[in-house]
Amino acid sequence: MKIAVSSQGNNLDSQVDPRFGRAQYFIIVDSDTLEFEAMENPNISASGGAGVQSGQIMAEKGVKVVLTGNVGPNAFQTLSSAGIEIITGVSGTVKEAIQKFNSGQYKPIGNATVASHTGMNPGITNMGMGRGMGRGMGRGMGRGMGMMGNQPSMPQQQMSKSQELQMLKEQADSLKQQLDMINVRIKELEKS
C-alpha cells in the first residue's frame, strides 16, 4: 500500500513534519517493502492553497494513507474526497511511523486537527529547524489567538464530545512534539 508521510528530510530516518500542506518533504512509501520516493514539497512557500495542492499531489501519486502531525480543513477535505485516509498525531522518524502504522497503532481521523492557514508561519519564520511558529491553536508567537480563539473554520459545534477530546489530545501531542524540538534547538544553541 502507498503511504505518504510528511517529513522534514528526504529519507526514512528523517523526522515526521508536523505540518501536512507545508511539510518540507513527502516520503511516499510502500508499506510492505519500505521502498520509497522522497519528493520535495513544491507547495511549502505557496501563498495559499498549500494543503489542497499537496492533497492533490497525494491523489495523483496513488497514495491511500497520509501520516502527518496535523492537517487543516482544506487539506482534510481534499484528501477525504480522494478516498485517502488521514492519520494525525504522528511523530518520530518516517520509518517508525510506517512501523506503527503497519502494527495497527494508528487510527484515521474524521476532522481537521488545525485551523486554516495554521502552517503559514506568519510569526517567526525560522527557528533553525526549518519551521516557524504558526498562529492559532495555541502555537504561540503568532497572533495570540489562543487554543480555540477566533477560528470559525474549525467545526467545533459539529463534533461529538469524543471527537473533540480526540482532536484535543492529538493537538496536545503535536504541541508537545514541537516544544520538545524547540527545547532541543535551545540546548544546541546554548552549547555553541
Protein backbone atom coordinates (compact mmCIF):
# COMPACT_ATOMS: atom_id res chain seq x y z
CA MET A 1 0.00 0.00 0.00
CA LYS A 2 1.25 3.51 -0.82
CA ILE A 3 1.57 5.69 2.26
CA ALA A 4 2.72 9.31 2.29
CA VAL A 5 4.47 10.69 5.34
CA SER A 6 5.07 14.42 5.82
CA SER A 7 8.77 14.68 6.53
CA GLN A 8 11.47 17.16 7.49
CA GLY A 9 14.03 15.32 5.34
CA ASN A 10 14.36 13.08 2.31
CA ASN A 11 14.82 9.60 3.84
CA LEU A 12 13.26 7.10 6.23
CA ASP A 13 15.39 8.33 9.14
CA SER A 14 14.03 11.89 8.82
CA GLN A 15 11.66 13.25 11.44
CA VAL A 16 7.96 13.47 10.62
CA ASP A 17 6.99 17.06 9.78
CA PRO A 18 4.01 18.07 11.96
CA ARG A 19 2.58 20.08 9.03
CA PHE A 20 0.95 18.48 6.02
CA GLY A 21 0.40 21.15 3.37
CA ARG A 22 3.69 22.90 4.07
CA ALA A 23 5.81 19.89 5.02
CA GLN A 24 9.35 20.10 3.70
CA TYR A 25 9.13 16.70 2.01
CA PHE A 26 6.71 13.90 1.34
CA ILE A 27 8.08 10.39 1.64
CA ILE A 28 5.87 8.04 -0.36
CA VAL A 29 6.46 4.55 0.97
CA ASP A 30 5.33 1.06 0.01
CA SER A 31 4.24 -0.09 3.48
CA ASP A 32 5.16 -3.71 2.73
CA THR A 33 8.64 -3.32 1.20
CA LEU A 34 9.66 0.09 2.65
CA GLU A 35 10.74 1.14 -0.86
CA PHE A 36 10.21 4.89 -1.02
CA GLU A 37 10.26 8.01 -3.12
CA ALA A 38 11.20 11.30 -1.48
CA MET A 39 9.76 14.40 -3.04
CA GLU A 40 10.38 17.97 -2.04
CA ASN A 41 7.07 19.69 -1.38
CA PRO A 42 6.51 22.25 -4.15
CA ASN A 43 3.84 23.96 -2.02
CA ILE A 44 5.95 24.81 1.02
CA SER A 45 6.08 28.51 0.04
CA ALA A 46 2.69 28.78 -1.66
CA SER A 47 0.83 31.97 -0.80
CA GLY A 48 -2.34 29.95 -0.30
CA GLY A 49 -3.88 26.58 -1.01
CA ALA A 50 -0.85 24.56 0.09
CA GLY A 51 -2.98 21.90 1.78
CA VAL A 52 -5.27 21.48 -1.21
CA GLN A 53 -2.37 21.34 -3.68
CA SER A 54 -0.45 18.88 -1.51
CA GLY A 55 -3.59 16.76 -1.19
CA GLN A 56 -3.97 16.74 -4.97
CA ILE A 57 -0.39 15.53 -5.35
CA MET A 58 -1.12 12.65 -2.96
CA ALA A 59 -4.16 11.66 -5.05
CA GLU A 60 -2.12 11.85 -8.28
CA LYS A 61 0.56 9.63 -6.75
CA GLY A 62 -2.00 6.97 -5.80
CA VAL A 63 -1.48 7.38 -2.06
CA LYS A 64 -4.01 5.52 0.13
CA VAL A 65 -3.00 6.85 3.57
CA VAL A 66 -1.32 10.05 4.78
CA LEU A 67 0.63 10.08 8.07
CA THR A 68 1.31 13.56 9.46
CA GLY A 69 1.28 15.68 12.59
CA ASN A 70 -1.72 17.85 11.75
CA VAL A 71 -4.00 18.57 8.83
CA GLY A 72 -6.09 21.66 8.10
CA PRO A 73 -9.70 21.66 6.91
CA ASN A 74 -8.95 22.28 3.23
CA ALA A 75 -6.33 19.54 3.03
CA PHE A 76 -8.62 17.25 5.03
CA GLN A 77 -11.45 17.82 2.54
CA THR A 78 -9.18 17.29 -0.49
CA LEU A 79 -7.67 14.08 0.89
CA SER A 80 -11.02 12.72 2.09
CA SER A 81 -12.66 13.45 -1.25
CA ALA A 82 -9.91 11.45 -2.95
CA GLY A 83 -10.58 8.49 -0.63
CA ILE A 84 -7.28 8.93 1.20
CA GLU A 85 -7.24 8.04 4.91
CA ILE A 86 -5.64 10.65 7.16
CA ILE A 87 -3.76 9.83 10.34
CA THR A 88 -2.52 12.69 12.52
CA GLY A 89 -0.57 12.94 15.75
CA VAL A 90 2.31 11.11 14.09
CA SER A 91 5.85 11.79 15.35
CA GLY A 92 9.30 10.24 15.38
CA THR A 93 11.05 9.12 12.23
CA VAL A 94 9.32 8.23 8.98
CA LYS A 95 10.42 4.62 9.44
CA GLU A 96 8.96 4.49 12.97
CA ALA A 97 5.71 5.98 11.68
CA ILE A 98 5.44 3.28 9.00
CA GLN A 99 6.18 0.56 11.56
CA LYS A 100 3.49 1.90 13.91
CA PHE A 101 1.04 2.08 11.01
CA ASN A 102 1.82 -1.49 9.97
CA SER A 103 1.28 -2.72 13.54
CA GLY A 104 -2.14 -1.03 13.72
CA GLN A 105 -1.22 1.63 16.28
CA TYR A 106 -2.81 4.48 14.29
CA LYS A 107 -6.44 5.21 13.55
CA PRO A 108 -7.74 7.54 10.80
CA ILE A 109 -9.30 10.85 11.85
CA GLY A 110 -12.69 12.28 10.92
CA ASN A 111 -11.96 16.02 11.10
CA ALA A 112 -9.22 18.56 10.53
CA THR A 113 -6.91 18.98 13.53
CA VAL A 114 -5.88 22.62 12.98
CA ALA A 115 -7.49 25.73 11.54
CA SER A 116 -6.92 27.01 8.01
CA HIS A 117 -3.55 28.63 7.40
CA THR A 118 -2.03 27.33 10.64
CA GLY A 119 1.15 26.19 8.88
CA MET A 120 1.77 29.52 7.15
CA ASN A 121 4.07 30.73 9.94
CA PRO A 122 3.22 34.44 9.98
CA GLY A 123 5.24 34.93 13.16
CA ILE A 124 8.84 33.87 13.47
CA THR A 125 9.75 32.16 10.24
CA ASN A 126 12.79 30.12 11.11
CA MET A 127 13.67 28.62 14.43
CA GLY A 128 16.73 26.90 12.96
CA MET A 129 14.84 23.71 12.24
CA GLY A 130 13.07 24.69 9.04
CA ARG A 131 9.81 25.81 10.61
CA GLY A 132 8.38 28.88 12.22
CA MET A 133 5.92 29.21 14.99
CA GLY A 134 2.48 29.15 13.38
CA ARG A 135 -0.50 31.12 14.54
CA GLY A 136 -3.54 29.88 16.36
CA MET A 137 -4.27 26.55 18.02
CA GLY A 138 -2.08 27.59 20.94
CA ARG A 139 1.11 27.53 18.92
CA GLY A 140 2.14 30.84 20.40
CA MET A 141 4.37 33.54 18.98
CA GLY A 142 1.83 34.07 16.21
CA ARG A 143 -1.13 36.28 16.70
CA GLY A 144 -2.03 35.40 20.29
CA MET A 145 -5.24 33.71 19.22
CA GLY A 146 -5.03 31.05 21.90
CA MET A 147 -6.26 27.49 21.81
CA MET A 148 -9.67 27.95 20.18
CA GLY A 149 -9.97 31.70 19.73
CA ASN A 150 -11.26 33.26 16.52
CA GLN A 151 -11.23 30.12 14.38
CA PRO A 152 -14.51 29.89 12.50
CA SER A 153 -13.19 27.25 10.11
CA MET A 154 -12.88 24.65 12.86
CA PRO A 155 -16.01 22.50 13.05
CA GLN A 156 -16.23 22.64 16.87
CA GLN A 157 -20.03 22.70 17.09
CA GLN A 158 -20.35 19.68 14.79
CA MET A 159 -18.02 17.43 16.79
CA SER A 160 -19.17 14.95 19.35
CA LYS A 161 -17.56 15.13 22.77
CA SER A 162 -15.36 12.10 21.99
CA GLN A 163 -14.28 13.57 18.63
CA GLU A 164 -13.35 16.87 20.23
CA LEU A 165 -11.50 15.05 23.01
CA GLN A 166 -9.54 13.02 20.44
CA MET A 167 -8.73 16.15 18.41
CA LEU A 168 -7.55 18.00 21.52
CA LYS A 169 -5.37 15.05 22.56
CA GLU A 170 -3.80 14.97 19.08
CA GLN A 171 -3.18 18.72 19.23
CA ALA A 172 -1.62 18.39 22.69
CA ASP A 173 0.67 15.63 21.39
CA SER A 174 1.66 17.78 18.43
CA LEU A 175 2.36 20.77 20.66
CA LYS A 176 4.46 18.59 22.97
CA GLN A 177 6.49 17.41 19.96
CA GLN A 178 7.01 20.99 18.85
CA LEU A 179 8.02 22.08 22.35
CA ASP A 180 10.45 19.16 22.60
CA MET A 181 12.03 20.16 19.28
CA ILE A 182 12.30 23.79 20.38
CA ASN A 183 13.95 22.75 23.64
CA VAL A 184 16.44 20.56 21.74
CA ARG A 185 17.28 23.51 19.49
CA ILE A 186 17.67 25.81 22.50
CA LYS A 187 20.15 23.38 24.05
CA GLU A 188 22.05 23.13 20.75
CA LEU A 189 22.30 26.91 20.52
CA GLU A 190 23.36 27.23 24.16
CA LYS A 191 26.21 24.75 23.57
CA SER A 192 27.60 26.62 20.57
